[in-house]
């Protein structure tokens, strides 16, 4: 593996023998870090959003589980 840093990016060169799925997961995580690096949201904000989404999902899908 070779890692090079330029003024605007980091270049990672890996062997083609690397598992593609595992590498994609790493890239997805790096993508997440880049996207969230400028976020001002707090963990409390994220928790509230998750609770709201879960409530909305449950309201729409309740009848599939409770009869």
PDB file of N, CA and C in Angstrom:
ATOM      1  N   UNK A   1       0.845  -1.162   0.000  1.00  0.00           N
ATOM      2  CA  UNK A   1       0.000   0.000   0.000  1.00  0.00           C
ATOM      3  C   UNK A   1       0.895   1.231   0.000  1.00  0.00           C
ATOM      4  N   UNK A   2       0.512   2.202  -0.790  1.00  0.00           N
ATOM      5  CA  UNK A   2       1.248   3.465  -0.871  1.00  0.00           C
ATOM      6  C   UNK A   2       0.270   4.591  -0.567  1.00  0.00           C
ATOM      7  N   UNK A   3       0.663   5.472   0.346  1.00  0.00           N
ATOM      8  CA  UNK A   3      -0.162   6.621   0.691  1.00  0.00           C
ATOM      9  C   UNK A   3       0.615   7.884   0.360  1.00  0.00           C
ATOM     10  N   UNK A   4       0.023   8.734  -0.452  1.00  0.00           N
ATOM     11  CA  UNK A   4       0.653   9.992  -0.853  1.00  0.00           C
ATOM     12  C   UNK A   4      -0.261  11.143  -0.465  1.00  0.00           C
ATOM     13  N   UNK A   5       0.316  12.198   0.064  1.00  0.00           N
ATOM     14  CA  UNK A   5      -0.466  13.380   0.418  1.00  0.00           C
ATOM     15  C   UNK A   5      -0.035  14.515  -0.508  1.00  0.00           C
ATOM     16  N   UNK A   6      -1.045  15.127  -1.140  1.00  0.00           N
ATOM     17  CA  UNK A   6      -0.795  16.324  -1.930  1.00  0.00           C
ATOM     18  C   UNK A   6      -1.404  17.494  -1.175  1.00  0.00           C
ATOM     19  N   UNK A   7      -1.366  18.661  -1.732  1.00  0.00           N
ATOM     20  CA  UNK A   7      -1.922  19.819  -1.030  1.00  0.00           C
ATOM     21  C   UNK A   7      -3.440  19.748  -0.895  1.00  0.00           C
ATOM     22  N   UNK A   8      -4.101  18.992  -1.763  1.00  0.00           N
ATOM     23  CA  UNK A   8      -5.566  18.974  -1.729  1.00  0.00           C
ATOM     24  C   UNK A   8      -6.191  17.594  -1.528  1.00  0.00           C
ATOM     25  N   UNK A   9      -5.374  16.536  -1.448  1.00  0.00           N
ATOM     26  CA  UNK A   9      -5.957  15.208  -1.316  1.00  0.00           C
ATOM     27  C   UNK A   9      -4.938  14.196  -0.797  1.00  0.00           C
ATOM     28  N   UNK A  10      -5.447  13.051  -0.410  1.00  0.00           N
ATOM     29  CA  UNK A  10      -4.611  11.920  -0.028  1.00  0.00           C
ATOM     30  C   UNK A  10      -4.879  10.820  -1.043  1.00  0.00           C
ATOM     31  N   UNK A  11      -3.824  10.291  -1.631  1.00  0.00           N
ATOM     32  CA  UNK A  11      -3.949   9.238  -2.636  1.00  0.00           C
ATOM     33  C   UNK A  11      -3.490   7.926  -2.001  1.00  0.00           C
ATOM     34  N   UNK A  12      -4.367   6.911  -2.053  1.00  0.00           N
ATOM     35  CA  UNK A  12      -4.055   5.600  -1.499  1.00  0.00           C
ATOM     36  C   UNK A  12      -4.032   4.600  -2.646  1.00  0.00           C
ATOM     37  N   UNK A  13      -2.918   3.928  -2.806  1.00  0.00           N
ATOM     38  CA  UNK A  13      -2.794   2.906  -3.839  1.00  0.00           C
ATOM     39  C   UNK A  13      -2.680   1.557  -3.142  1.00  0.00           C
ATOM     40  N   UNK A  14      -3.573   0.622  -3.520  1.00  0.00           N
ATOM     41  CA  UNK A  14      -3.578  -0.695  -2.907  1.00  0.00           C
ATOM     42  C   UNK A  14      -3.478  -1.774  -3.970  1.00  0.00           C
ATOM     43  N   UNK A  15      -3.074  -2.945  -3.529  1.00  0.00           N
ATOM     44  CA  UNK A  15      -2.955  -4.093  -4.421  1.00  0.00           C
ATOM     45  C   UNK A  15      -4.339  -4.523  -4.901  1.00  0.00           C
ATOM     46  N   UNK A  16      -4.457  -4.995  -6.117  1.00  0.00           N
ATOM     47  CA  UNK A  16      -5.748  -5.486  -6.608  1.00  0.00           C
ATOM     48  C   UNK A  16      -6.200  -6.755  -5.882  1.00  0.00           C
ATOM     49  N   UNK A  17      -5.346  -7.332  -5.061  1.00  0.00           N
ATOM     50  CA  UNK A  17      -5.709  -8.528  -4.296  1.00  0.00           C
ATOM     51  C   UNK A  17      -6.571  -8.185  -3.082  1.00  0.00           C
ATOM     52  N   UNK A  18      -6.719  -6.906  -2.779  1.00  0.00           N
ATOM     53  CA  UNK A  18      -7.520  -6.480  -1.637  1.00  0.00           C
ATOM     54  C   UNK A  18      -8.991  -6.786  -1.906  1.00  0.00           C
ATOM     55  N   UNK A  19      -9.686  -7.304  -0.890  1.00  0.00           N
ATOM     56  CA  UNK A  19     -11.110  -7.612  -1.000  1.00  0.00           C
ATOM     57  C   UNK A  19     -11.895  -6.341  -1.335  1.00  0.00           C
ATOM     58  N   UNK A  20     -12.616  -6.349  -2.438  1.00  0.00           N
ATOM     59  CA  UNK A  20     -13.323  -5.155  -2.908  1.00  0.00           C
ATOM     60  C   UNK A  20     -14.411  -4.707  -1.934  1.00  0.00           C
ATOM     61  N   UNK A  21     -15.150  -5.634  -1.348  1.00  0.00           N
ATOM     62  CA  UNK A  21     -16.226  -5.276  -0.426  1.00  0.00           C
ATOM     63  C   UNK A  21     -15.658  -4.605   0.830  1.00  0.00           C
ATOM     64  N   UNK A  22     -14.610  -5.178   1.386  1.00  0.00           N
ATOM     65  CA  UNK A  22     -13.985  -4.584   2.562  1.00  0.00           C
ATOM     66  C   UNK A  22     -13.427  -3.207   2.255  1.00  0.00           C
ATOM     67  N   UNK A  23     -12.807  -3.063   1.112  1.00  0.00           N
ATOM     68  CA  UNK A  23     -12.253  -1.769   0.721  1.00  0.00           C
ATOM     69  C   UNK A  23     -13.368  -0.746   0.526  1.00  0.00           C
ATOM     70  N   UNK A  24     -14.496  -1.176  -0.059  1.00  0.00           N
ATOM     71  CA  UNK A  24     -15.628  -0.269  -0.253  1.00  0.00           C
ATOM     72  C   UNK A  24     -16.162   0.213   1.089  1.00  0.00           C
ATOM     73  N   UNK A  25     -16.197  -0.659   2.082  1.00  0.00           N
ATOM     74  CA  UNK A  25     -16.646  -0.252   3.414  1.00  0.00           C
ATOM     75  C   UNK A  25     -15.727   0.812   3.996  1.00  0.00           C
ATOM     76  N   UNK A  26     -14.445   0.640   3.809  1.00  0.00           N
ATOM     77  CA  UNK A  26     -13.486   1.649   4.277  1.00  0.00           C
ATOM     78  C   UNK A  26     -13.713   2.967   3.562  1.00  0.00           C
ATOM     79  N   UNK A  27     -13.924   2.917   2.260  1.00  0.00           N
ATOM     80  CA  UNK A  27     -14.152   4.133   1.485  1.00  0.00           C
ATOM     81  C   UNK A  27     -15.459   4.814   1.911  1.00  0.00           C
ATOM     82  N   UNK A  28     -16.483   4.019   2.195  1.00  0.00           N
ATOM     83  CA  UNK A  28     -17.750   4.584   2.667  1.00  0.00           C
ATOM     84  C   UNK A  28     -17.543   5.308   3.994  1.00  0.00           C
ATOM     85  N   UNK A  29     -16.737   4.718   4.879  1.00  0.00           N
ATOM     86  CA  UNK A  29     -16.462   5.361   6.162  1.00  0.00           C
ATOM     87  C   UNK A  29     -15.698   6.669   5.965  1.00  0.00           C
ATOM     88  N   UNK A  30     -14.728   6.676   5.073  1.00  0.00           N
ATOM     89  CA  UNK A  30     -13.987   7.902   4.783  1.00  0.00           C
ATOM     90  C   UNK A  30     -14.909   8.960   4.190  1.00  0.00           C
ATOM     91  N   UNK A  31     -15.826   8.528   3.351  1.00  0.00           N
ATOM     92  CA  UNK A  31     -16.832   9.435   2.778  1.00  0.00           C
ATOM     93  C   UNK A  31     -17.665  10.059   3.895  1.00  0.00           C
ATOM     94  N   UNK A  32     -18.097   9.211   4.833  1.00  0.00           N
ATOM     95  CA  UNK A  32     -18.869   9.685   5.986  1.00  0.00           C
ATOM     96  C   UNK A  32     -18.072  10.718   6.788  1.00  0.00           C
ATOM     97  N   UNK A  33     -16.801  10.440   7.047  1.00  0.00           N
ATOM     98  CA  UNK A  33     -15.966  11.387   7.791  1.00  0.00           C
ATOM     99  C   UNK A  33     -15.865  12.725   7.068  1.00  0.00           C
ATOM    100  N   UNK A  34     -15.706  12.679   5.756  1.00  0.00           N
ATOM    101  CA  UNK A  34     -15.600  13.914   4.981  1.00  0.00           C
ATOM    102  C   UNK A  34     -16.908  14.698   5.008  1.00  0.00           C
ATOM    103  N   UNK A  35     -18.016  14.003   4.844  1.00  0.00           N
ATOM    104  CA  UNK A  35     -19.327  14.665   4.822  1.00  0.00           C
ATOM    105  C   UNK A  35     -19.645  15.300   6.170  1.00  0.00           C
ATOM    106  N   UNK A  36     -19.346  14.591   7.252  1.00  0.00           N
ATOM    107  CA  UNK A  36     -19.714  15.072   8.580  1.00  0.00           C
ATOM    108  C   UNK A  36     -18.677  15.995   9.208  1.00  0.00           C
ATOM    109  N   UNK A  37     -17.547  16.181   8.568  1.00  0.00           N
ATOM    110  CA  UNK A  37     -16.478  16.985   9.176  1.00  0.00           C
ATOM    111  C   UNK A  37     -16.880  18.442   9.405  1.00  0.00           C
ATOM    112  N   UNK A  38     -17.812  18.943   8.624  1.00  0.00           N
ATOM    113  CA  UNK A  38     -18.224  20.342   8.756  1.00  0.00           C
ATOM    114  C   UNK A  38     -19.578  20.479   9.447  1.00  0.00           C
ATOM    115  N   UNK A  39     -20.103  19.374   9.934  1.00  0.00           N
ATOM    116  CA  UNK A  39     -21.421  19.396  10.575  1.00  0.00           C
ATOM    117  C   UNK A  39     -21.346  20.066  11.940  1.00  0.00           C
ATOM    118  N   UNK A  40     -22.389  20.805  12.261  1.00  0.00           N
ATOM    119  CA  UNK A  40     -22.477  21.407  13.582  1.00  0.00           C
ATOM    120  C   UNK A  40     -23.538  20.699  14.420  1.00  0.00           C
ATOM    121  N   UNK A  41     -24.082  19.612  13.890  1.00  0.00           N
ATOM    122  CA  UNK A  41     -25.088  18.839  14.611  1.00  0.00           C
ATOM    123  C   UNK A  41     -24.444  18.153  15.816  1.00  0.00           C
ATOM    124  N   UNK A  42     -25.212  18.057  16.878  1.00  0.00           N
ATOM    125  CA  UNK A  42     -24.734  17.390  18.084  1.00  0.00           C
ATOM    126  C   UNK A  42     -25.285  15.966  18.124  1.00  0.00           C
ATOM    127  N   UNK A  43     -24.784  15.172  19.048  1.00  0.00           N
ATOM    128  CA  UNK A  43     -25.312  13.820  19.219  1.00  0.00           C
ATOM    129  C   UNK A  43     -26.780  13.886  19.619  1.00  0.00           C
ATOM    130  N   UNK A  44     -27.139  14.877  20.425  1.00  0.00           N
ATOM    131  CA  UNK A  44     -28.532  15.053  20.822  1.00  0.00           C
ATOM    132  C   UNK A  44     -29.423  15.315  19.608  1.00  0.00           C
ATOM    133  N   UNK A  45     -28.939  16.133  18.664  1.00  0.00           N
ATOM    134  CA  UNK A  45     -29.678  16.379  17.417  1.00  0.00           C
ATOM    135  C   UNK A  45     -29.886  15.073  16.652  1.00  0.00           C
ATOM    136  N   UNK A  46     -28.826  14.275  16.557  1.00  0.00           N
ATOM    137  CA  UNK A  46     -28.911  13.004  15.835  1.00  0.00           C
ATOM    138  C   UNK A  46     -29.890  12.055  16.528  1.00  0.00           C
ATOM    139  N   UNK A  47     -29.849  12.018  17.853  1.00  0.00           N
ATOM    140  CA  UNK A  47     -30.759  11.152  18.600  1.00  0.00           C
ATOM    141  C   UNK A  47     -32.217  11.563  18.393  1.00  0.00           C
ATOM    142  N   UNK A  48     -32.482  12.866  18.422  1.00  0.00           N
ATOM    143  CA  UNK A  48     -33.846  13.351  18.207  1.00  0.00           C
ATOM    144  C   UNK A  48     -34.337  13.004  16.802  1.00  0.00           C
ATOM    145  N   UNK A  49     -33.480  13.170  15.812  1.00  0.00           N
ATOM    146  CA  UNK A  49     -33.852  12.829  14.441  1.00  0.00           C
ATOM    147  C   UNK A  49     -34.135  11.338  14.323  1.00  0.00           C
ATOM    148  N   UNK A  50     -33.297  10.509  14.927  1.00  0.00           N
ATOM    149  CA  UNK A  50     -33.515   9.057  14.890  1.00  0.00           C
ATOM    150  C   UNK A  50     -34.835   8.691  15.546  1.00  0.00           C
ATOM    151  N   UNK A  51     -35.141   9.320  16.692  1.00  0.00           N
ATOM    152  CA  UNK A  51     -36.414   9.053  17.366  1.00  0.00           C
ATOM    153  C   UNK A  51     -37.598   9.439  16.484  1.00  0.00           C
ATOM    154  N   UNK A  52     -37.496  10.588  15.831  1.00  0.00           N
ATOM    155  CA  UNK A  52     -38.573  11.051  14.952  1.00  0.00           C
ATOM    156  C   UNK A  52     -38.773  10.092  13.779  1.00  0.00           C
ATOM    157  N   UNK A  53     -37.672   9.659  13.178  1.00  0.00           N
ATOM    158  CA  UNK A  53     -37.770   8.720  12.056  1.00  0.00           C
ATOM    159  C   UNK A  53     -38.375   7.401  12.500  1.00  0.00           C
ATOM    160  N   UNK A  54     -37.964   6.919  13.687  1.00  0.00           N
ATOM    161  CA  UNK A  54     -38.521   5.663  14.188  1.00  0.00           C
ATOM    162  C   UNK A  54     -40.014   5.793  14.461  1.00  0.00           C
ATOM    163  N   UNK A  55     -40.439   6.905  15.026  1.00  0.00           N
ATOM    164  CA  UNK A  55     -41.867   7.119  15.284  1.00  0.00           C
ATOM    165  C   UNK A  55     -42.651   7.144  13.980  1.00  0.00           C
ATOM    166  N   UNK A  56     -42.140   7.844  12.982  1.00  0.00           N
ATOM    167  CA  UNK A  56     -42.820   7.913  11.686  1.00  0.00           C
ATOM    168  C   UNK A  56     -42.902   6.534  11.040  1.00  0.00           C
ATOM    169  N   UNK A  57     -41.802   5.768  11.122  1.00  0.00           N
ATOM    170  CA  UNK A  57     -41.795   4.431  10.534  1.00  0.00           C
ATOM    171  C   UNK A  57     -42.821   3.557  11.235  1.00  0.00           C
ATOM    172  N   UNK A  58     -42.846   3.618  12.574  1.00  0.00           N
ATOM    173  CA  UNK A  58     -43.761   2.783  13.338  1.00  0.00           C
ATOM    174  C   UNK A  58     -45.215   3.138  13.025  1.00  0.00           C
ATOM    175  N   UNK A  59     -45.506   4.433  12.891  1.00  0.00           N
ATOM    176  CA  UNK A  59     -46.861   4.864  12.566  1.00  0.00           C
ATOM    177  C   UNK A  59     -47.294   4.284  11.217  1.00  0.00           C
ATOM    178  N   UNK A  60     -46.409   4.282  10.254  1.00  0.00           N
ATOM    179  CA  UNK A  60     -46.737   3.777   8.908  1.00  0.00           C
ATOM    180  C   UNK A  60     -46.795   2.247   8.842  1.00  0.00           C
ATOM    181  N   UNK A  61     -46.053   1.555   9.724  1.00  0.00           N
ATOM    182  CA  UNK A  61     -45.923   0.111   9.605  1.00  0.00           C
ATOM    183  C   UNK A  61     -46.537  -0.678  10.766  1.00  0.00           C
ATOM    184  N   UNK A  62     -47.145   0.005  11.699  1.00  0.00           N
ATOM    185  CA  UNK A  62     -47.712  -0.650  12.888  1.00  0.00           C
ATOM    186  C   UNK A  62     -48.660  -1.782  12.518  1.00  0.00           C
ATOM    187  N   UNK A  63     -49.521  -1.542  11.536  1.00  0.00           N
ATOM    188  CA  UNK A  63     -50.524  -2.540  11.178  1.00  0.00           C
ATOM    189  C   UNK A  63     -49.926  -3.820  10.611  1.00  0.00           C
ATOM    190  N   UNK A  64     -48.705  -3.798  10.176  1.00  0.00           N
ATOM    191  CA  UNK A  64     -48.060  -5.012   9.677  1.00  0.00           C
ATOM    192  C   UNK A  64     -47.658  -5.950  10.815  1.00  0.00           C
ATOM    193  N   UNK A  65     -47.519  -5.396  12.037  1.00  0.00           N
ATOM    194  CA  UNK A  65     -47.034  -6.180  13.160  1.00  0.00           C
ATOM    195  C   UNK A  65     -48.097  -6.447  14.235  1.00  0.00           C
ATOM    196  N   UNK A  66     -49.051  -5.534  14.368  1.00  0.00           N
ATOM    197  CA  UNK A  66     -50.100  -5.676  15.374  1.00  0.00           C
ATOM    198  C   UNK A  66     -51.432  -5.814  14.661  1.00  0.00           C
ATOM    199  N   UNK A  67     -52.087  -6.923  14.922  1.00  0.00           N
ATOM    200  CA  UNK A  67     -53.368  -7.161  14.241  1.00  0.00           C
ATOM    201  C   UNK A  67     -54.455  -7.410  15.255  1.00  0.00           C
TER     202      UNK A  67
END
